[in-house]
Amino acid sequence: MDLSDKNTRAMLGYKLESQTNDEIDLKLLQAYLEATEKYGNTTVNIRYRALKLKYEALTTVPTIIEKTMSPAQLYASGSPLWANNYKGITVERILVKLYEETKTEETFNEALEAIRVRTAYTDKYGRTYIN
């Protein structure tokens, strides 16, 4: 796979950001990050930032205290481990919401709430519910 090619790199990025922790090939993710650093623009590439954070979360060994912390607490403390429970695309969406916000548990929780997918459905009696 030629990761110097912008289109190939983009396709791989799309694939990686949609994968769960069990599906991600860490070597392939590392190759994508290295190729993006070498050939791409990492300062404006939100996908790169999200996948780099995801890679750091997957390769960082949590301390005893970090094991007890919520994602919001991990975010506020500066730990990449907050991204561990989310797909890359979700990390990307959270990062967009957190752009230029203070690094607090409250802003993290607000960003998480803002990206939550809502579903509306109507029961057989015509009542509408939002999930």
C-alpha atoms as a PDB file:
ATOM      1  CA  MET A   1       0.000   0.000   0.000  1.00  0.00           C
ATOM      2  CA  ASP A   2       1.472   3.330  -1.094  1.00  0.00           C
ATOM      3  CA  LEU A   3       0.758   5.717   1.761  1.00  0.00           C
ATOM      4  CA  SER A   4       2.598   8.544   0.037  1.00  0.00           C
ATOM      5  CA  ASP A   5      -0.500   8.790  -2.172  1.00  0.00           C
ATOM      6  CA  LYS A   6      -2.988  11.260  -0.678  1.00  0.00           C
ATOM      7  CA  ASN A   7      -6.059   9.282  -1.812  1.00  0.00           C
ATOM      8  CA  THR A   8      -4.774   5.990  -0.426  1.00  0.00           C
ATOM      9  CA  ARG A   9      -3.984   7.681   2.867  1.00  0.00           C
ATOM     10  CA  ALA A  10      -7.458   9.255   2.970  1.00  0.00           C
ATOM     11  CA  MET A  11      -9.174   5.914   2.306  1.00  0.00           C
ATOM     12  CA  LEU A  12      -7.121   4.248   5.037  1.00  0.00           C
ATOM     13  CA  GLY A  13      -7.944   7.104   7.418  1.00  0.00           C
ATOM     14  CA  TYR A  14     -11.677   6.649   6.783  1.00  0.00           C
ATOM     15  CA  LYS A  15     -11.336   2.919   7.427  1.00  0.00           C
ATOM     16  CA  LEU A  16      -9.317   3.360  10.620  1.00  0.00           C
ATOM     17  CA  GLU A  17     -11.588   5.987  12.123  1.00  0.00           C
ATOM     18  CA  SER A  18     -14.625   3.704  11.808  1.00  0.00           C
ATOM     19  CA  GLN A  19     -13.017   0.718  13.534  1.00  0.00           C
ATOM     20  CA  THR A  20     -13.457  -0.434  17.116  1.00  0.00           C
ATOM     21  CA  ASN A  21     -10.512  -1.157  19.393  1.00  0.00           C
ATOM     22  CA  ASP A  22     -10.720  -4.863  18.527  1.00  0.00           C
ATOM     23  CA  GLU A  23     -10.705  -4.161  14.775  1.00  0.00           C
ATOM     24  CA  ILE A  24      -7.835  -1.659  14.637  1.00  0.00           C
ATOM     25  CA  ASP A  25      -4.495  -2.981  13.413  1.00  0.00           C
ATOM     26  CA  LEU A  26      -2.017  -0.923  15.478  1.00  0.00           C
ATOM     27  CA  LYS A  27       0.788  -1.385  12.952  1.00  0.00           C
ATOM     28  CA  LEU A  28      -1.433  -0.092  10.156  1.00  0.00           C
ATOM     29  CA  LEU A  29      -2.559   2.824  12.320  1.00  0.00           C
ATOM     30  CA  GLN A  30       1.064   3.640  13.118  1.00  0.00           C
ATOM     31  CA  ALA A  31       1.953   3.470   9.403  1.00  0.00           C
ATOM     32  CA  TYR A  32      -0.934   5.847   8.601  1.00  0.00           C
ATOM     33  CA  LEU A  33       0.232   8.317  11.259  1.00  0.00           C
ATOM     34  CA  GLU A  34       3.849   8.197  10.090  1.00  0.00           C
ATOM     35  CA  ALA A  35       2.832   8.660   6.438  1.00  0.00           C
ATOM     36  CA  THR A  36       0.581  11.579   7.328  1.00  0.00           C
ATOM     37  CA  GLU A  37       3.426  13.166   9.287  1.00  0.00           C
ATOM     38  CA  LYS A  38       5.735  12.723   6.304  1.00  0.00           C
ATOM     39  CA  TYR A  39       3.409  13.569   3.394  1.00  0.00           C
ATOM     40  CA  GLY A  40       0.371  15.319   4.825  1.00  0.00           C
ATOM     41  CA  ASN A  41      -0.497  18.448   6.733  1.00  0.00           C
ATOM     42  CA  THR A  42      -0.895  17.356  10.352  1.00  0.00           C
ATOM     43  CA  THR A  43      -1.676  20.824  11.739  1.00  0.00           C
ATOM     44  CA  VAL A  44      -5.073  21.127  10.044  1.00  0.00           C
ATOM     45  CA  ASN A  45      -5.930  17.447   9.669  1.00  0.00           C
ATOM     46  CA  ILE A  46      -8.551  16.663  12.329  1.00  0.00           C
ATOM     47  CA  ARG A  47      -8.646  12.991  11.331  1.00  0.00           C
ATOM     48  CA  TYR A  48      -4.894  12.741  11.936  1.00  0.00           C
ATOM     49  CA  ARG A  49      -5.274  14.379  15.348  1.00  0.00           C
ATOM     50  CA  ALA A  50      -8.124  12.039  16.315  1.00  0.00           C
ATOM     51  CA  LEU A  51      -6.327   8.899  15.141  1.00  0.00           C
ATOM     52  CA  LYS A  52      -3.075   9.955  16.811  1.00  0.00           C
ATOM     53  CA  LEU A  53      -4.977  10.413  20.054  1.00  0.00           C
ATOM     54  CA  LYS A  54      -6.644   7.031  19.531  1.00  0.00           C
ATOM     55  CA  TYR A  55      -3.222   5.421  18.949  1.00  0.00           C
ATOM     56  CA  GLU A  56      -1.876   7.033  22.131  1.00  0.00           C
ATOM     57  CA  ALA A  57      -4.913   5.773  24.056  1.00  0.00           C
ATOM     58  CA  LEU A  58      -4.412   2.239  22.756  1.00  0.00           C
ATOM     59  CA  THR A  59      -0.693   2.163  23.510  1.00  0.00           C
ATOM     60  CA  THR A  60      -0.646   3.943  26.884  1.00  0.00           C
ATOM     61  CA  VAL A  61      -0.660   1.785  29.985  1.00  0.00           C
ATOM     62  CA  PRO A  62      -3.040   3.383  32.505  1.00  0.00           C
ATOM     63  CA  THR A  63      -1.880   4.089  36.019  1.00  0.00           C
ATOM     64  CA  ILE A  64      -3.858   2.706  38.928  1.00  0.00           C
ATOM     65  CA  ILE A  65      -5.607   6.044  39.405  1.00  0.00           C
ATOM     66  CA  GLU A  66      -6.367   6.405  35.661  1.00  0.00           C
ATOM     67  CA  LYS A  67      -8.136   3.038  35.754  1.00  0.00           C
ATOM     68  CA  THR A  68     -10.670   4.545  38.159  1.00  0.00           C
ATOM     69  CA  MET A  69     -11.246   7.794  36.240  1.00  0.00           C
ATOM     70  CA  SER A  70     -14.119   8.645  33.904  1.00  0.00           C
ATOM     71  CA  PRO A  71     -13.423   9.762  30.312  1.00  0.00           C
ATOM     72  CA  ALA A  72     -14.216  13.362  31.366  1.00  0.00           C
ATOM     73  CA  GLN A  73     -11.709  13.168  34.228  1.00  0.00           C
ATOM     74  CA  LEU A  74      -9.082  11.654  31.927  1.00  0.00           C
ATOM     75  CA  TYR A  75      -9.674  14.440  29.391  1.00  0.00           C
ATOM     76  CA  ALA A  76      -9.399  17.180  32.028  1.00  0.00           C
ATOM     77  CA  SER A  77      -6.158  15.642  33.327  1.00  0.00           C
ATOM     78  CA  GLY A  78      -4.599  15.633  29.851  1.00  0.00           C
ATOM     79  CA  SER A  79      -4.526  11.853  29.516  1.00  0.00           C
ATOM     80  CA  PRO A  80      -5.089  10.395  26.032  1.00  0.00           C
ATOM     81  CA  LEU A  81      -6.876   7.461  27.661  1.00  0.00           C
ATOM     82  CA  TRP A  82     -10.224   9.268  27.432  1.00  0.00           C
ATOM     83  CA  ALA A  83     -10.286   8.298  23.744  1.00  0.00           C
ATOM     84  CA  ASN A  84      -9.972   4.588  24.484  1.00  0.00           C
ATOM     85  CA  ASN A  85     -13.699   3.814  24.537  1.00  0.00           C
ATOM     86  CA  TYR A  86     -14.581   5.664  21.337  1.00  0.00           C
ATOM     87  CA  LYS A  87     -14.112   5.003  17.635  1.00  0.00           C
ATOM     88  CA  GLY A  88     -11.820   7.424  15.829  1.00  0.00           C
ATOM     89  CA  ILE A  89     -14.771   9.159  14.158  1.00  0.00           C
ATOM     90  CA  THR A  90     -16.311   9.839  17.574  1.00  0.00           C
ATOM     91  CA  VAL A  91     -12.996  11.184  18.878  1.00  0.00           C
ATOM     92  CA  GLU A  92     -12.883  13.445  15.823  1.00  0.00           C
ATOM     93  CA  ARG A  93     -16.391  14.766  16.489  1.00  0.00           C
ATOM     94  CA  ILE A  94     -15.558  15.367  20.165  1.00  0.00           C
ATOM     95  CA  LEU A  95     -12.355  17.225  19.243  1.00  0.00           C
ATOM     96  CA  VAL A  96     -14.300  19.512  16.911  1.00  0.00           C
ATOM     97  CA  LYS A  97     -16.673  20.419  19.750  1.00  0.00           C
ATOM     98  CA  LEU A  98     -13.780  20.949  22.181  1.00  0.00           C
ATOM     99  CA  TYR A  99     -11.813  23.242  19.864  1.00  0.00           C
ATOM    100  CA  GLU A 100     -10.630  26.304  21.829  1.00  0.00           C
ATOM    101  CA  GLU A 101     -12.574  25.246  24.931  1.00  0.00           C
ATOM    102  CA  THR A 102     -11.045  25.020  28.382  1.00  0.00           C
ATOM    103  CA  LYS A 103      -9.956  21.530  29.347  1.00  0.00           C
ATOM    104  CA  THR A 104     -12.531  20.666  32.004  1.00  0.00           C
ATOM    105  CA  GLU A 105     -14.830  17.767  32.779  1.00  0.00           C
ATOM    106  CA  GLU A 106     -17.793  20.041  32.119  1.00  0.00           C
ATOM    107  CA  THR A 107     -16.687  21.009  28.597  1.00  0.00           C
ATOM    108  CA  PHE A 108     -15.967  17.371  27.806  1.00  0.00           C
ATOM    109  CA  ASN A 109     -19.408  16.285  28.964  1.00  0.00           C
ATOM    110  CA  GLU A 110     -21.028  19.134  27.017  1.00  0.00           C
ATOM    111  CA  ALA A 111     -19.159  18.080  23.861  1.00  0.00           C
ATOM    112  CA  LEU A 112     -20.201  14.482  24.377  1.00  0.00           C
ATOM    113  CA  GLU A 113     -23.816  15.514  24.806  1.00  0.00           C
ATOM    114  CA  ALA A 114     -23.644  17.733  21.708  1.00  0.00           C
ATOM    115  CA  ILE A 115     -22.539  14.867  19.458  1.00  0.00           C
ATOM    116  CA  ARG A 116     -24.897  12.275  20.876  1.00  0.00           C
ATOM    117  CA  VAL A 117     -27.080  10.914  18.102  1.00  0.00           C
ATOM    118  CA  ARG A 118     -30.716  11.407  18.866  1.00  0.00           C
ATOM    119  CA  THR A 119     -33.389   9.149  17.487  1.00  0.00           C
ATOM    120  CA  ALA A 120     -37.069   9.971  17.466  1.00  0.00           C
ATOM    121  CA  TYR A 121     -39.777   7.394  17.168  1.00  0.00           C
ATOM    122  CA  THR A 122     -43.536   7.353  17.389  1.00  0.00           C
ATOM    123  CA  ASP A 123     -45.384   4.598  19.196  1.00  0.00           C
ATOM    124  CA  LYS A 124     -48.611   3.000  17.986  1.00  0.00           C
ATOM    125  CA  TYR A 125     -50.613   5.659  19.876  1.00  0.00           C
ATOM    126  CA  GLY A 126     -48.954   8.548  18.030  1.00  0.00           C
ATOM    127  CA  ARG A 127     -46.717   9.650  20.919  1.00  0.00           C
ATOM    128  CA  THR A 128     -43.262  10.843  19.877  1.00  0.00           C
ATOM    129  CA  TYR A 129     -40.216   9.929  21.937  1.00  0.00           C
ATOM    130  CA  ILE A 130     -36.704  11.257  21.568  1.00  0.00           C
ATOM    131  CA  ASN A 131     -33.885   8.988  22.612  1.00  0.00           C
END
